[in-house]
C-alpha cells in the first residue's frame, strides 16, 4: 500500500511541476476544468505505466505528456514546445541523477527496504523545485517564488532523509510530503487572489475612465449646442436693440440689456479654467449645484495640468467634486468652495471645502481610494480635516514638474 501511495505522489509531483511551468510560460487556451482534466489523465497514465519498471518508458511518457500539454492546452508553437519539453526532460534527468545515483554514493550505501521508492518521490520533488524556479526566475513576486522553491527543496531533502532511515514511519513520511505541498498551494492561491484583485481594480479604473470620457464628450457636445443657442439668441437681442435704437427708445434699451444680464442665459457658459477638460468637469458640477441650490464658488488660476494625464485629471476632479456635491446636497449649509493655484511656481495646490452633515468615513470610501491612487502615482501629498463635523476641507498638492507616466 505504501509503495502505491509513494509512486502516486511521485507522479503527482511530476505533473504538478509541468502545470506550474507551462502556466507561467504560456497562455492557456482551454478552461481550467479541461487543464485539470488533462493533467489528471496524464497522471493516471504515468501511474499505470510506472509499474512496468522501465525507466526509459517513464522518461518518454513524461516528454510526450508535456509536449501534448504544450500543444493542446497552451498557446505554444511546435518549436517552443519542443525546446521547453526538452528543458523539463533535462531537469527531470538531473534531479533523478542527483537523488537516485549521487545521494547513495555520498552516503555510502543504498537505502534499505522501500527506500528507493522514497528516493523517487524526493527526485520528483527536486524536479518540481528546479522547474518552478526556472519558470519564475523573472517573476515580480520573487518572495513567493523563493518560498515555494525552498519548501519543495526542504520536502525533497526530508523524504531523501527518510529513505535512508531504517524503519521510517509512514505517517511521518506522508506528512513531510503533504505539509510543504499544502503550504505551497496556499501561497500560490494567495498570489493568484492578489493578482485577481489587482486586475479587478485596473478593470474598474478602466471602466470609470471610459465612463468619464463618455461624459466628457457628452458635456462638450452640450456646450457646443449651448453656444449655438446663445449665438442665435444674441443675434435676436441685437436685432431688438437695433430696432429700439432706431425708434430712439433709450430707456427701453437699458431695461432690455439689464433683463438680459439678469437672466440665466449669460451665466450658462462660464470659463473656470484654461484647461478644456478641467473646465468641462467643473462646469458640469457648477450646473448641478445651481440646479440643486448649492452655493458653488470656484477660483482656478491659469494652471498647467500637463503633468497629469487626461484620464487621471478626470478621475481626480470628478471624484473630488462628486463627493463634495453629494455631501453638500445632504447638509444644511449647502456650499462648495474650490480653488486651484500654484505655490512657489513648482507646486499645484487644490483646495476644496464643502458643507457636510457629520464627519465622512474617508478610509472606507471607494472614491477616496481612487483619489489616493492618483496622489500616490504622481508623488503628491494630501490632508483632510473635518474636526467640527460641519465643514470638510481637503488639500492636495502636486509637484508640477513630475513627468507624466
Protein backbone atom coordinates (compact mmCIF):
# COMPACT_ATOMS: atom_id res chain seq x y z
CA UNK A 1 0.00 0.00 0.00
CA UNK A 2 2.78 2.38 0.92
CA UNK A 3 4.57 1.66 -2.35
CA UNK A 4 1.45 2.54 -4.36
CA UNK A 5 0.91 5.80 -2.46
CA UNK A 6 4.56 6.79 -2.88
CA UNK A 7 4.52 6.11 -6.62
CA UNK A 8 1.30 8.12 -6.95
CA UNK A 9 2.87 11.04 -5.06
CA UNK A 10 5.97 10.91 -7.27
CA UNK A 11 3.82 11.02 -10.43
CA UNK A 12 1.73 13.85 -8.98
CA UNK A 13 4.88 15.90 -8.33
CA UNK A 14 5.93 15.50 -11.97
CA UNK A 15 2.57 16.56 -13.43
CA UNK A 16 2.22 19.45 -10.97
CA UNK A 17 5.68 20.68 -11.96
CA UNK A 18 4.69 20.63 -15.65
CA UNK A 19 1.46 22.51 -14.88
CA UNK A 20 3.29 25.24 -12.91
CA UNK A 21 5.97 25.58 -15.59
CA UNK A 22 3.69 25.80 -18.63
CA UNK A 23 1.11 28.00 -16.87
CA UNK A 24 3.81 30.58 -16.22
CA UNK A 25 5.37 30.38 -19.68
CA UNK A 26 2.29 30.25 -21.91
CA UNK A 27 -1.31 31.43 -22.04
CA UNK A 28 -3.93 28.71 -21.72
CA UNK A 29 -6.48 28.26 -24.49
CA UNK A 30 -8.77 25.89 -22.56
CA UNK A 31 -10.91 26.37 -19.44
CA UNK A 32 -9.39 25.40 -16.11
CA UNK A 33 -11.54 22.27 -15.93
CA UNK A 34 -10.01 20.99 -19.17
CA UNK A 35 -6.50 21.81 -17.92
CA UNK A 36 -7.06 19.88 -14.68
CA UNK A 37 -8.64 17.00 -16.59
CA UNK A 38 -5.68 16.70 -18.96
CA UNK A 39 -3.05 16.62 -16.21
CA UNK A 40 -5.18 14.21 -14.17
CA UNK A 41 -5.37 11.88 -17.19
CA UNK A 42 -1.61 12.19 -17.76
CA UNK A 43 -1.08 11.39 -14.07
CA UNK A 44 -3.25 8.26 -14.34
CA UNK A 45 -1.38 7.01 -17.44
CA UNK A 46 2.02 7.70 -15.92
CA UNK A 47 1.00 5.99 -12.67
CA UNK A 48 -0.26 2.90 -14.52
CA UNK A 49 2.87 2.54 -16.68
CA UNK A 50 5.24 3.12 -13.76
CA UNK A 51 4.58 -0.46 -12.57
CA UNK A 52 6.30 -1.72 -15.73
CA UNK A 53 9.60 -0.79 -14.11
CA UNK A 54 11.11 0.65 -17.29
CA UNK A 55 12.91 3.95 -16.69
CA UNK A 56 13.12 4.70 -20.43
CA UNK A 57 9.35 4.32 -20.75
CA UNK A 58 8.74 6.77 -17.89
CA UNK A 59 11.12 9.32 -19.43
CA UNK A 60 9.48 9.00 -22.85
CA UNK A 61 5.99 9.27 -21.36
CA UNK A 62 6.98 12.41 -19.44
CA UNK A 63 8.24 14.04 -22.63
CA UNK A 64 5.15 13.03 -24.64
CA UNK A 65 2.67 14.22 -21.98
CA UNK A 66 4.49 17.56 -21.62
CA UNK A 67 4.58 18.05 -25.39
CA UNK A 68 0.86 17.26 -25.71
CA UNK A 69 0.08 19.66 -22.87
CA UNK A 70 2.04 22.49 -24.52
CA UNK A 71 0.41 21.97 -27.92
CA UNK A 72 -3.16 21.15 -26.84
CA UNK A 73 -3.76 23.24 -23.72
CA UNK A 74 -1.37 26.18 -24.09
CA UNK A 75 -0.78 28.68 -26.88
CA UNK A 76 2.69 27.48 -27.85
CA UNK A 77 4.24 26.72 -31.22
CA UNK A 78 5.87 23.41 -32.08
CA UNK A 79 9.40 24.82 -31.81
CA UNK A 80 8.70 26.47 -28.45
CA UNK A 81 7.02 23.31 -27.16
CA UNK A 82 9.95 21.09 -28.13
CA UNK A 83 12.50 23.42 -26.53
CA UNK A 84 10.62 23.71 -23.24
CA UNK A 85 9.80 19.99 -23.08
CA UNK A 86 13.46 19.14 -23.64
CA UNK A 87 14.37 21.56 -20.85
CA UNK A 88 11.96 19.81 -18.50
CA UNK A 89 13.45 16.45 -19.52
CA UNK A 90 16.92 17.73 -18.65
CA UNK A 91 15.69 18.99 -15.27
CA UNK A 92 13.98 15.65 -14.55
CA UNK A 93 17.09 13.68 -15.54
CA UNK A 94 19.30 15.95 -13.44
CA UNK A 95 17.03 15.55 -10.43
CA UNK A 96 16.98 11.77 -10.80
CA UNK A 97 20.76 11.64 -11.17
CA UNK A 98 21.33 13.74 -8.04
CA UNK A 99 18.90 11.82 -5.83
CA UNK A 100 18.86 8.29 -7.22
CA UNK A 101 22.58 7.97 -8.05
CA UNK A 102 24.51 10.77 -6.37
CA UNK A 103 22.94 10.65 -2.91
CA UNK A 104 23.61 6.91 -2.29
CA UNK A 105 27.20 7.45 -3.45
CA UNK A 106 27.64 10.31 -0.99
CA UNK A 107 26.11 8.39 1.93
CA UNK A 108 27.96 5.21 1.01
CA UNK A 109 25.15 2.67 0.75
CA UNK A 110 21.82 2.03 -0.91
CA UNK A 111 18.61 2.87 1.02
CA UNK A 112 17.11 -0.12 2.82
CA UNK A 113 13.66 -1.61 2.16
CA UNK A 114 11.35 0.67 0.22
CA UNK A 115 13.87 3.50 0.37
CA UNK A 116 14.28 3.62 -3.41
CA UNK A 117 10.59 4.47 -3.78
CA UNK A 118 11.03 7.33 -1.31
CA UNK A 119 14.03 8.49 -3.31
CA UNK A 120 11.78 8.52 -6.34
CA UNK A 121 9.44 10.95 -4.55
CA UNK A 122 12.44 13.02 -3.46
CA UNK A 123 13.65 13.12 -7.07
CA UNK A 124 10.22 14.30 -8.26
CA UNK A 125 10.15 16.98 -5.55
CA UNK A 126 13.59 18.20 -6.62
CA UNK A 127 12.38 18.21 -10.24
CA UNK A 128 9.46 20.40 -9.16
CA UNK A 129 11.92 22.71 -7.37
CA UNK A 130 14.06 23.14 -10.49
CA UNK A 131 11.16 23.57 -12.91
CA UNK A 132 9.33 26.03 -10.67
CA UNK A 133 12.47 28.11 -10.04
CA UNK A 134 13.31 28.23 -13.77
CA UNK A 135 9.77 29.28 -14.73
CA UNK A 136 9.71 32.05 -12.09
CA UNK A 137 13.22 33.49 -12.47
CA UNK A 138 11.78 36.77 -13.81
CA UNK A 139 8.76 36.84 -11.53
CA UNK A 140 7.80 40.19 -9.98
CA UNK A 141 6.60 38.49 -6.79
CA UNK A 142 10.01 36.97 -6.03
CA UNK A 143 9.11 36.27 -2.38
CA UNK A 144 6.50 33.69 -3.39
CA UNK A 145 8.86 32.06 -5.87
CA UNK A 146 11.68 31.72 -3.34
CA UNK A 147 9.31 30.50 -0.62
CA UNK A 148 7.71 27.80 -2.77
CA UNK A 149 11.09 26.71 -4.15
CA UNK A 150 12.56 26.42 -0.65
CA UNK A 151 9.55 24.50 0.63
CA UNK A 152 9.74 21.95 -2.16
CA UNK A 153 13.52 21.69 -1.68
CA UNK A 154 13.03 21.00 2.04
CA UNK A 155 10.37 18.45 1.13
CA UNK A 156 12.84 16.70 -1.20
CA UNK A 157 15.56 16.66 1.44
CA UNK A 158 13.23 15.33 4.16
CA UNK A 159 11.97 12.48 2.00
CA UNK A 160 15.51 11.57 0.98
CA UNK A 161 16.46 11.51 4.65
CA UNK A 162 13.58 9.17 5.49
CA UNK A 163 14.68 6.87 2.66
CA UNK A 164 17.99 6.18 4.39
CA UNK A 165 16.49 5.99 7.88
CA UNK A 166 15.59 2.38 8.67
CA UNK A 167 12.02 1.81 9.84
CA UNK A 168 10.80 5.27 8.87
CA UNK A 169 7.25 5.96 9.93
CA UNK A 170 4.81 6.01 7.01
CA UNK A 171 2.56 8.69 8.54
CA UNK A 172 5.52 10.95 9.30
CA UNK A 173 6.81 10.47 5.78
CA UNK A 174 3.41 11.30 4.34
CA UNK A 175 3.16 14.44 6.49
CA UNK A 176 6.59 15.56 5.30
CA UNK A 177 5.25 15.40 1.74
CA UNK A 178 1.78 16.87 2.26
CA UNK A 179 2.70 19.77 4.56
CA UNK A 180 5.12 21.58 2.19
CA UNK A 181 2.77 20.91 -0.72
CA UNK A 182 -0.17 22.35 1.21
CA UNK A 183 1.78 25.46 2.20
CA UNK A 184 2.95 25.87 -1.40
CA UNK A 185 -0.62 25.57 -2.65
CA UNK A 186 -1.80 28.20 -0.14
CA UNK A 187 0.98 30.57 -1.20
CA UNK A 188 0.14 30.19 -4.89
CA UNK A 189 -3.60 30.54 -4.23
CA UNK A 190 -2.96 33.73 -2.26
CA UNK A 191 -0.80 35.04 -5.06
CA UNK A 192 -3.50 34.35 -7.64
CA UNK A 193 -6.01 36.13 -5.39
CA UNK A 194 -3.74 39.18 -5.15
CA UNK A 195 -3.31 39.23 -8.93
CA UNK A 196 -7.06 38.84 -9.42
CA UNK A 197 -7.80 41.76 -7.08
CA UNK A 198 -5.19 43.87 -8.85
CA UNK A 199 -6.66 43.05 -12.27
CA UNK A 200 -10.16 43.74 -10.96
CA UNK A 201 -9.05 47.16 -9.68
CA UNK A 202 -7.47 48.00 -13.03
CA UNK A 203 -10.64 46.90 -14.81
CA UNK A 204 -12.80 49.11 -12.59
CA UNK A 205 -10.49 52.08 -13.18
CA UNK A 206 -10.60 51.50 -16.92
CA UNK A 207 -14.40 51.30 -16.85
CA UNK A 208 -14.50 54.54 -14.89
CA UNK A 209 -12.14 56.19 -17.39
CA UNK A 210 -14.37 55.13 -20.27
CA UNK A 211 -17.45 56.38 -18.44
CA UNK A 212 -15.83 59.71 -17.66
CA UNK A 213 -14.60 60.08 -21.24
CA UNK A 214 -18.15 59.46 -22.49
CA UNK A 215 -19.46 62.09 -20.06
CA UNK A 216 -16.70 64.45 -21.14
CA UNK A 217 -17.61 64.24 -24.84
CA UNK A 218 -21.31 64.45 -24.00
CA UNK A 219 -20.63 67.61 -21.99
CA UNK A 220 -18.56 69.05 -24.84
CA UNK A 221 -21.41 68.39 -27.24
CA UNK A 222 -23.80 70.04 -24.80
CA UNK A 223 -21.50 73.08 -24.57
CA UNK A 224 -21.35 73.39 -28.36
CA UNK A 225 -25.14 73.12 -28.61
CA UNK A 226 -25.49 75.71 -25.86
CA UNK A 227 -23.07 78.00 -27.67
CA UNK A 228 -25.12 77.80 -30.88
CA UNK A 229 -28.28 78.58 -28.92
CA UNK A 230 -26.65 81.59 -27.24
CA UNK A 231 -25.29 82.89 -30.57
CA UNK A 232 -28.77 82.60 -32.04
CA UNK A 233 -30.26 84.40 -29.02
CA UNK A 234 -27.61 87.13 -29.19
CA UNK A 235 -28.50 87.82 -32.80
CA UNK A 236 -32.12 88.15 -31.79
CA UNK A 237 -31.19 90.50 -28.92
CA UNK A 238 -29.06 92.65 -31.23
CA UNK A 239 -31.90 92.94 -33.73
CA UNK A 240 -34.23 94.02 -30.93
CA UNK A 241 -31.74 96.57 -29.60
CA UNK A 242 -31.16 97.89 -33.11
CA UNK A 243 -34.91 98.35 -33.62
CA UNK A 244 -35.29 100.15 -30.26
CA UNK A 245 -32.31 102.33 -31.10
CA UNK A 246 -33.82 103.32 -34.46
CA UNK A 247 -37.02 104.30 -32.62
CA UNK A 248 -34.98 106.37 -30.11
CA UNK A 249 -36.23 104.37 -27.11
CA UNK A 250 -33.05 104.58 -24.99
CA UNK A 251 -34.78 103.81 -21.68
CA UNK A 252 -36.24 100.61 -23.08
CA UNK A 253 -32.78 99.66 -24.43
CA UNK A 254 -31.25 99.99 -20.95
CA UNK A 255 -34.07 97.97 -19.40
CA UNK A 256 -33.76 95.31 -22.07
CA UNK A 257 -29.99 94.98 -21.55
CA UNK A 258 -30.48 94.72 -17.78
CA UNK A 259 -33.03 91.95 -18.26
CA UNK A 260 -30.56 90.02 -20.41
CA UNK A 261 -27.82 90.31 -17.78
CA UNK A 262 -30.17 89.17 -15.02
CA UNK A 263 -31.34 86.14 -17.00
CA UNK A 264 -29.64 82.74 -16.63
CA UNK A 265 -28.53 82.69 -20.25
CA UNK A 266 -25.48 84.87 -19.68
CA UNK A 267 -24.21 82.58 -16.92
CA UNK A 268 -24.88 79.31 -18.69
CA UNK A 269 -21.36 79.08 -20.07
CA UNK A 270 -18.56 80.17 -17.77
CA UNK A 271 -14.82 79.85 -18.20
CA UNK A 272 -13.47 78.35 -14.97
CA UNK A 273 -10.13 77.15 -16.33
CA UNK A 274 -7.96 77.47 -19.42
CA UNK A 275 -7.76 73.67 -19.46
CA UNK A 276 -10.71 72.49 -21.56
CA UNK A 277 -11.08 69.16 -19.77
CA UNK A 278 -11.00 70.75 -16.30
CA UNK A 279 -13.41 73.44 -17.46
CA UNK A 280 -15.94 70.89 -18.72
CA UNK A 281 -15.85 68.89 -15.46
CA UNK A 282 -16.11 71.96 -13.23
CA UNK A 283 -18.88 73.46 -15.42
CA UNK A 284 -20.91 70.27 -15.11
CA UNK A 285 -20.82 70.35 -11.31
CA UNK A 286 -21.42 74.12 -11.28
CA UNK A 287 -24.66 73.50 -13.22
CA UNK A 288 -25.59 70.63 -10.87
CA UNK A 289 -25.05 72.90 -7.87
CA UNK A 290 -27.10 75.69 -9.46
CA UNK A 291 -29.99 73.31 -10.11
CA UNK A 292 -29.77 71.92 -6.56
CA UNK A 293 -29.48 75.37 -4.93
CA UNK A 294 -25.94 74.73 -3.67
CA UNK A 295 -23.58 77.70 -3.49
CA UNK A 296 -20.62 76.92 -5.74
CA UNK A 297 -17.53 79.13 -5.66
CA UNK A 298 -14.57 78.24 -7.85
CA UNK A 299 -11.25 80.00 -8.27
CA UNK A 300 -8.99 78.21 -10.74
CA UNK A 301 -5.91 80.09 -11.82
CA UNK A 302 -4.13 79.58 -15.12
CA UNK A 303 -2.63 76.23 -14.15
CA UNK A 304 -0.68 73.87 -16.40
CA UNK A 305 -2.10 70.38 -15.82
CA UNK A 306 0.21 68.75 -18.38
CA UNK A 307 1.99 66.70 -15.69
CA UNK A 308 -1.30 64.80 -15.21
CA UNK A 309 -2.73 62.54 -17.88
CA UNK A 310 -6.24 63.43 -19.07
CA UNK A 311 -7.71 60.26 -17.56
CA UNK A 312 -6.05 60.89 -14.18
CA UNK A 313 -7.11 64.56 -14.16
CA UNK A 314 -10.66 63.44 -14.90
CA UNK A 315 -10.64 60.84 -12.11
CA UNK A 316 -9.18 63.35 -9.65
CA UNK A 317 -11.56 66.26 -10.31
CA UNK A 318 -14.66 64.14 -10.90
CA UNK A 319 -14.28 62.13 -7.69
CA UNK A 320 -13.48 65.21 -5.59
CA UNK A 321 -16.41 67.24 -6.93
CA UNK A 322 -18.79 64.30 -6.93
CA UNK A 323 -18.10 63.62 -3.27
CA UNK A 324 -18.38 67.32 -2.43
CA UNK A 325 -21.68 67.63 -4.31
CA UNK A 326 -23.27 64.59 -2.64
CA UNK A 327 -22.16 65.72 0.82
CA UNK A 328 -23.25 69.33 0.32
CA UNK A 329 -26.61 68.20 -1.05
CA UNK A 330 -27.39 66.43 2.23
CA UNK A 331 -26.09 69.20 4.51
CA UNK A 332 -27.80 72.27 5.92
CA UNK A 333 -25.39 74.99 4.75
CA UNK A 334 -25.13 73.60 1.18
CA UNK A 335 -21.96 75.12 -0.25
CA UNK A 336 -18.80 74.12 -2.13
CA UNK A 337 -15.65 76.24 -2.31
CA UNK A 338 -12.93 75.11 -4.68
CA UNK A 339 -9.61 76.71 -5.60
CA UNK A 340 -6.64 75.54 -7.65
CA UNK A 341 -3.48 77.60 -7.56
CA UNK A 342 0.31 77.38 -7.60
CA UNK A 343 2.82 77.52 -4.76
CA UNK A 344 6.41 78.70 -5.32
CA UNK A 345 5.82 78.14 -9.05
CA UNK A 346 6.69 74.47 -8.52
CA UNK A 347 3.58 73.07 -6.88
CA UNK A 348 -0.07 72.86 -7.84
CA UNK A 349 -2.36 73.09 -4.82
CA UNK A 350 -6.01 72.03 -4.92
CA UNK A 351 -8.24 73.13 -2.02
CA UNK A 352 -11.84 72.03 -1.57
CA UNK A 353 -14.16 72.99 1.28
CA UNK A 354 -17.77 71.91 1.43
CA UNK A 355 -20.55 71.54 3.93
CA UNK A 356 -21.26 68.11 5.41
CA UNK A 357 -23.68 66.52 7.80
CA UNK A 358 -21.28 64.71 10.14
CA UNK A 359 -17.70 63.54 9.54
CA UNK A 360 -17.43 61.34 6.41
CA UNK A 361 -15.75 57.92 6.58
CA UNK A 362 -12.86 58.54 4.21
CA UNK A 363 -10.97 55.26 4.74
CA UNK A 364 -13.80 53.02 3.54
CA UNK A 365 -14.73 55.21 0.57
CA UNK A 366 -14.02 53.89 -2.94
CA UNK A 367 -13.97 57.47 -4.16
CA UNK A 368 -11.23 58.35 -1.67
CA UNK A 369 -9.28 55.26 -2.75
CA UNK A 370 -9.32 56.40 -6.38
CA UNK A 371 -8.13 59.87 -5.38
CA UNK A 372 -5.42 58.32 -3.20
CA UNK A 373 -4.19 56.21 -6.13
CA UNK A 374 -3.75 59.32 -8.28
CA UNK A 375 -1.95 61.15 -5.45
CA UNK A 376 0.45 58.23 -4.90
CA UNK A 377 1.04 57.78 -8.63
CA UNK A 378 2.30 61.36 -9.02
CA UNK A 379 4.05 61.61 -5.65
CA UNK A 380 1.58 64.14 -4.28
CA UNK A 381 0.52 64.93 -0.73
CA UNK A 382 -2.94 65.27 0.77
CA UNK A 383 -4.51 66.36 4.05
CA UNK A 384 -8.14 66.12 5.16
CA UNK A 385 -9.94 67.75 8.05
CA UNK A 386 -13.48 67.67 9.38
CA UNK A 387 -13.00 68.37 13.06
CA UNK A 388 -16.32 70.15 13.61
CA UNK A 389 -18.43 67.70 11.61
CA UNK A 390 -19.91 70.56 9.56
CA UNK A 391 -17.20 71.57 7.07
CA UNK A 392 -14.93 69.14 5.28
CA UNK A 393 -11.63 70.51 3.96
CA UNK A 394 -9.26 68.73 1.60
CA UNK A 395 -5.87 69.96 0.43
CA UNK A 396 -3.97 68.14 -2.33
CA UNK A 397 -0.56 69.23 -3.55
CA UNK A 398 1.40 68.01 -6.58
CA UNK A 399 4.84 68.91 -7.81
CA UNK A 400 4.13 70.28 -11.27
CA UNK A 401 7.48 69.18 -12.66
CA UNK A 402 6.55 65.50 -12.22
CA UNK A 403 6.78 63.74 -15.56
CA UNK A 404 3.57 62.14 -16.72
CA UNK A 405 3.68 58.37 -16.51
